[in-house]
Protein backbone atom coordinates (compact mmCIF):
# COMPACT_ATOMS: atom_id res chain seq x y z
CA MET A 1 8.60 -8.87 -2.63
CA MET A 2 6.59 -6.79 -5.05
CA THR A 3 5.23 -9.89 -6.72
CA ARG A 4 4.00 -11.46 -3.48
CA THR A 5 2.15 -8.80 -1.55
CA CYS A 6 0.19 -5.65 -2.27
CA THR A 7 0.11 -2.34 -0.55
CA VAL A 8 -2.42 0.46 -0.51
CA GLN A 9 -1.33 4.02 -0.03
CA VAL A 10 -3.04 7.40 0.65
CA ASN A 11 -1.69 10.92 -0.05
CA LEU A 12 -2.42 13.78 2.29
CA ASP A 13 -2.01 17.43 1.62
CA PHE A 14 -0.21 20.05 3.81
CA ALA A 15 -0.80 23.82 4.03
CA ASP A 16 2.70 25.04 4.49
CA GLU A 17 6.07 23.94 5.84
CA ALA A 18 5.13 23.99 9.45
CA ASP A 19 2.03 21.98 8.76
CA MET A 20 4.06 19.45 6.73
CA VAL A 21 6.52 18.97 9.66
CA LYS A 22 3.88 18.29 12.16
CA LYS A 23 1.91 15.93 9.85
CA PHE A 24 5.14 14.23 8.76
CA ARG A 25 6.28 13.58 12.32
CA THR A 26 2.92 12.48 13.50
CA SER A 27 2.24 10.09 10.67
CA LEU A 28 5.63 8.67 10.64
CA ALA A 29 5.50 7.84 14.31
CA LEU A 30 1.92 6.28 13.81
CA GLN A 31 2.85 4.40 10.63
CA PRO A 32 3.55 1.15 12.51
CA ILE A 33 0.09 1.46 13.99
CA ALA A 34 -1.38 1.48 10.50
CA THR A 35 0.79 -1.51 9.62
CA ALA A 36 -0.69 -3.39 12.56
CA LEU A 37 -4.23 -2.44 11.77
CA PHE A 38 -4.00 -3.47 8.11
CA ALA A 39 -1.64 -6.53 8.55
CA ASN A 40 -2.78 -8.98 5.82
CA SER A 41 0.19 -10.90 4.32
CA PRO A 42 0.86 -14.03 6.44
CA PHE A 43 1.59 -16.54 3.69
CA THR A 44 4.55 -17.24 1.30
CA GLU A 45 4.54 -20.06 -1.24
CA GLY A 46 1.34 -21.40 0.28
CA LYS A 47 2.63 -21.60 3.83
CA PRO A 48 2.60 -19.32 6.83
CA ASN A 49 5.74 -17.24 6.79
CA GLY A 50 5.91 -16.22 10.51
CA TYR A 51 4.69 -12.72 9.96
CA LEU A 52 1.36 -10.94 9.95
CA SER A 53 2.59 -8.33 7.48
CA TYR A 54 5.31 -10.03 5.42
CA ARG A 55 5.19 -7.05 3.11
CA SER A 56 6.19 -4.71 5.96
CA HIS A 57 8.87 -7.06 7.21
CA ILE A 58 10.58 -7.26 3.80
CA TRP A 59 11.00 -3.42 3.81
CA THR A 60 13.04 -3.66 7.02
CA ASP A 61 15.83 -5.33 4.99
CA THR A 62 15.45 -3.61 1.55
CA ASP A 63 18.05 -0.95 0.66
CA ALA A 64 18.58 1.05 3.80
CA ASP A 65 19.73 4.09 1.80
CA ARG A 66 16.15 4.68 0.67
CA THR A 67 13.84 3.09 3.22
CA GLY A 68 12.97 3.28 6.91
CA MET A 69 11.76 5.62 9.63
CA LEU A 70 13.83 8.71 8.68
CA ASP A 71 15.03 9.69 12.19
CA PHE A 72 16.03 13.19 10.96
CA VAL A 73 12.40 14.15 10.55
CA PHE A 74 12.25 14.43 14.34
CA ASP A 75 15.36 16.64 14.57
CA ASP A 76 15.10 20.32 15.56
CA GLY A 77 14.92 22.40 12.39
CA PHE A 78 13.57 19.80 10.12
CA GLY A 79 11.86 21.19 6.98
CA PHE A 80 11.82 21.03 3.22
CA GLU A 81 15.57 21.84 2.93
CA ARG A 82 16.54 18.88 5.16
CA TYR A 83 14.40 16.54 3.09
CA VAL A 84 16.03 17.73 -0.07
CA ASP A 85 19.41 17.03 1.44
CA TYR A 86 18.30 13.51 2.23
CA MET A 87 17.10 12.99 -1.28
CA LEU A 88 20.24 14.43 -2.82
CA ASP A 89 22.17 11.65 -0.94
CA VAL A 90 19.82 8.88 -1.95
CA PRO A 91 21.79 6.85 -4.65
CA MET A 92 20.30 7.26 -8.09
CA TYR A 93 18.68 4.61 -10.18
CA PHE A 94 18.34 6.08 -13.69
CA VAL A 95 18.19 9.12 -16.03
CA TYR A 96 15.29 8.98 -18.48
CA ARG A 97 16.12 10.64 -21.86
CA ASP A 98 14.62 10.25 -25.29
CA GLY A 99 12.53 7.28 -24.28
CA GLN A 100 15.45 5.37 -22.78
CA TYR A 101 16.52 4.64 -19.19
CA LEU A 102 20.25 5.37 -18.59
CA ASP A 103 21.49 3.13 -15.78
CA ALA A 104 22.77 5.55 -13.06
CA SER A 105 22.67 2.94 -10.25
CA GLY A 106 24.48 4.21 -7.17
CA GLN A 107 25.52 7.52 -8.77
CA SER A 108 24.99 10.89 -7.07
CA PHE A 109 22.28 13.39 -7.82
CA ARG A 110 24.69 16.00 -6.34
CA ASP A 111 27.08 15.10 -9.20
CA PHE A 112 24.20 15.36 -11.65
CA MET A 113 23.47 18.89 -10.37
CA ALA A 114 27.10 19.79 -11.06
CA GLY A 115 27.14 18.22 -14.45
CA ARG A 116 29.37 15.39 -13.49
CA LEU A 117 27.13 12.32 -13.58
CA PRO A 118 29.32 9.55 -15.00
CA VAL A 119 26.57 8.04 -17.09
CA TYR A 120 25.51 11.37 -18.51
CA PRO A 121 28.59 13.78 -18.27
CA GLY A 122 28.18 17.39 -19.11
CA HIS A 123 24.36 17.35 -18.50
CA ARG A 124 22.39 18.81 -15.69
CA PRO A 125 18.96 17.63 -14.38
CA SER A 126 15.60 19.10 -15.17
CA LEU A 127 12.71 19.39 -12.72
CA SER A 128 11.27 16.14 -14.17
CA ASP A 129 14.54 14.40 -13.31
CA TRP A 130 14.13 15.53 -9.69
CA ALA A 131 10.50 14.36 -9.75
CA ASP A 132 11.63 10.95 -10.95
CA HIS A 133 14.35 10.81 -8.30
CA LEU A 134 11.83 11.55 -5.53
CA THR A 135 9.89 8.41 -6.49
CA THR A 136 13.02 6.23 -5.89
CA ALA A 137 12.96 6.55 -2.08
CA PHE A 138 10.62 4.26 -0.19
CA PRO A 139 10.50 5.38 3.48
CA GLU A 140 7.46 4.68 5.64
CA VAL A 141 6.17 8.17 4.80
CA ARG A 142 7.35 9.85 1.62
CA LEU A 143 7.35 13.60 0.95
CA LYS A 144 6.57 14.86 -2.53
CA LYS A 145 4.00 17.63 -3.13
CA TYR A 146 2.03 15.77 -0.51
CA LEU A 147 2.69 13.21 2.20
CA GLU A 148 2.40 9.54 1.14
CA MET A 149 1.35 7.00 3.77
CA ARG A 150 3.17 3.73 2.89
CA GLY A 151 2.59 1.38 5.88
CA ALA A 152 -0.51 -0.62 5.07
CA ASP A 153 -1.20 -3.91 3.43
CA ALA A 154 -4.01 -3.98 0.80
CA GLY A 155 -7.34 -5.65 1.45
CA PRO A 156 -11.07 -5.46 0.42
CA TRP A 157 -12.93 -2.34 -0.32
CA ASN A 158 -13.99 -1.58 3.23
CA ARG A 159 -10.44 -1.47 4.36
CA LEU A 160 -9.35 0.43 1.27
CA CYS A 161 -11.85 3.14 2.30
CA ALA A 162 -10.78 2.78 5.92
CA LEU A 163 -7.20 3.87 5.14
CA PRO A 164 -7.88 7.49 3.92
CA ALA A 165 -10.59 7.82 6.59
CA PHE A 166 -8.09 6.91 9.33
CA TRP A 167 -5.45 9.40 8.13
CA THR A 168 -7.88 12.13 7.20
CA GLY A 169 -9.38 12.05 10.57
CA LEU A 170 -6.00 12.29 12.23
CA LEU A 171 -4.41 14.92 10.00
CA TYR A 172 -7.15 17.15 8.48
CA ASP A 173 -8.63 18.37 11.80
CA GLN A 174 -6.41 20.58 13.84
CA ALA A 175 -7.63 19.33 17.28
CA ALA A 176 -7.19 15.80 16.06
CA LEU A 177 -3.67 16.53 14.69
CA ASP A 178 -2.70 18.06 18.03
CA ALA A 179 -4.10 15.05 19.92
CA ALA A 180 -2.27 12.57 17.60
CA TRP A 181 0.99 14.46 18.05
CA ASP A 182 0.56 14.43 21.76
CA LEU A 183 0.05 10.71 21.56
CA VAL A 184 3.50 10.12 19.93
CA LYS A 185 5.63 13.17 20.61
CA ASP A 186 7.49 11.56 23.55
CA PHE A 187 8.26 8.30 21.64
CA SER A 188 12.06 7.85 21.67
CA LEU A 189 14.01 6.90 18.61
CA THR A 190 14.43 3.44 20.12
CA GLU A 191 10.64 3.07 20.64
CA ARG A 192 9.84 4.25 17.13
CA HIS A 193 12.18 1.64 15.73
CA ALA A 194 10.96 -1.11 18.12
CA LEU A 195 7.42 -0.44 16.86
CA ARG A 196 8.44 -0.45 13.19
CA ASP A 197 10.51 -3.68 13.64
CA GLY A 198 7.95 -5.54 15.81
CA VAL A 199 4.56 -4.97 14.24
CA PRO A 200 5.25 -7.10 11.15
CA ALA A 201 5.30 -10.19 13.33
CA GLN A 202 3.03 -9.30 16.21
CA ALA A 203 0.84 -6.46 14.98
CA LEU A 204 -1.64 -5.31 17.64
CA LYS A 205 -0.25 -7.75 20.22
CA LEU A 206 3.24 -6.15 20.28
CA ALA A 207 4.05 -4.96 23.74
CA PHE A 208 4.57 -1.22 24.15
CA ARG A 209 5.44 0.45 27.42
CA ARG A 210 2.86 -0.80 29.93
CA GLY A 211 0.40 -1.92 27.21
CA SER A 212 0.38 -2.98 23.66
CA VAL A 213 0.12 -1.59 20.04
CA ARG A 214 -3.58 -2.33 20.40
CA ASP A 215 -3.95 0.32 23.03
CA LEU A 216 -2.14 2.82 20.66
CA ALA A 217 -4.46 1.73 17.86
CA HIS A 218 -7.55 2.17 20.06
CA GLU A 219 -6.59 5.76 20.94
CA ALA A 220 -5.52 6.63 17.45
CA LEU A 221 -8.95 5.47 16.13
CA ARG A 222 -10.69 7.43 18.79
CA ILE A 223 -8.80 10.59 17.77
CA ALA A 224 -9.48 9.94 14.06
CA ALA A 225 -13.16 9.37 14.67
CA GLU A 226 -13.45 12.70 16.52
CA GLY A 227 -11.59 14.40 13.58
CA LEU A 228 -14.00 13.01 11.12
CA ARG A 229 -16.94 13.96 13.31
CA ARG A 230 -15.85 17.57 13.41
CA ARG A 231 -15.09 17.46 9.64
CA ALA A 232 -18.76 16.58 9.22
CA PHE A 233 -18.64 15.40 5.58
CA LEU A 234 -21.92 13.62 5.08
CA ASN A 235 -23.07 11.08 2.52
CA SER A 236 -26.55 11.08 0.90
CA ASN A 237 -27.96 9.43 4.00
CA GLY A 238 -26.59 12.07 6.26
CA VAL A 239 -23.94 9.78 7.70
CA ASP A 240 -20.42 11.14 8.27
CA GLU A 241 -17.10 9.58 7.36
CA ARG A 242 -16.74 7.75 10.68
CA ILE A 243 -18.60 4.91 9.04
CA TYR A 244 -15.46 4.00 7.17
CA LEU A 245 -13.49 3.36 10.37
CA GLU A 246 -15.88 0.57 11.40
CA PRO A 247 -13.67 -2.33 9.89
CA LEU A 248 -10.74 -1.05 11.90
CA ILE A 249 -12.66 -0.55 15.08
CA GLU A 250 -13.90 -4.17 14.83
CA ILE A 251 -10.30 -5.43 14.30
CA VAL A 252 -9.10 -3.58 17.43
CA GLU A 253 -12.01 -4.72 19.53
CA ALA A 254 -11.50 -8.37 18.48
CA ASN A 255 -7.71 -7.90 18.80
CA GLU A 256 -7.34 -9.94 15.70
CA THR A 257 -5.99 -8.75 12.33
CA ALA A 258 -7.05 -9.97 8.89
CA ALA A 259 -3.85 -11.95 8.75
CA GLU A 260 -4.60 -13.71 12.02
CA ARG A 261 -8.09 -14.71 10.78
CA LYS A 262 -6.59 -16.22 7.73
CA LEU A 263 -4.04 -18.12 9.70
CA ALA A 264 -6.77 -19.45 11.95
CA LEU A 265 -8.65 -20.66 8.88
CA TYR A 266 -5.51 -22.18 7.46
CA HIS A 267 -4.88 -24.23 10.64
CA GLY A 268 -8.59 -25.01 10.88
CA GLU A 269 -11.23 -25.54 8.26
CA TRP A 270 -8.81 -24.99 5.38
CA ARG A 271 -6.77 -27.89 6.61
CA GLY A 272 -3.37 -26.48 5.76
CA SER A 273 -4.32 -25.07 2.30
CA VAL A 274 -4.30 -21.45 1.17
CA ASP A 275 -6.37 -22.22 -1.90
CA PRO A 276 -9.78 -21.24 -0.29
CA VAL A 277 -8.40 -17.60 0.14
CA PHE A 278 -9.03 -17.09 -3.56
CA SER A 279 -12.73 -17.76 -3.23
CA GLU A 280 -13.44 -16.67 0.31
CA PHE A 281 -11.48 -13.36 0.14
CA ALA A 282 -11.84 -12.46 -3.47
CA TYR A 283 -12.61 -8.76 -4.10
């Protein structure tokens, strides 16, 4: 999977635990919307693979112990301690010592804390061991010293810039964060999982309640744009950061993802070949 598709991620700060919780819940619920907006991996071995974001689909069946939608984030009382408990139960990969990786696959960081790690008995972890271990979980949003948004396929520079603009607009303005949370706060666990499982194949066209993911994306972009307007960071021409949302707005208005455009070319003027992608979409 990691040799076939490419992701792009963005890291967002939080002010304190309460701010982290609200941003984590909001961004986790909206992560499938980002997946739909940035869907861009429809081919495998030169042929359509049946998905618009094959990268995202692969993560739905990759090591359930360290991936997914983290339902506990929405539980009452969620905070830093609960995330630590989750990470302590994520099976280990390795211990790095003296330039070597010791294979700790499937072993317990709790045992490591107690000095009972089978591959390294009698030793306890350092903070750098914990930092390493935090990088071995791959949920849709990952908590470290910041929140890492992990739902988007990569693309050309304008969409690379659109991703941080989208999340900054939603999370870095309090009114926008409140509005974004209002948009998703009544999503049930079943609905969150249905969005996560459905968007890799259907993206914006996935049905949701009485509408579609496109409707959610349209509203999320409206909220993000208002957040960026109020943020009022201007470039040398006096233009604010809303300019970076334009590629996403165009995708939603057309109701057509980058993946769908490539598929249309594949079945049309490319005549069943993916080779033109390397010239027409090079960046």
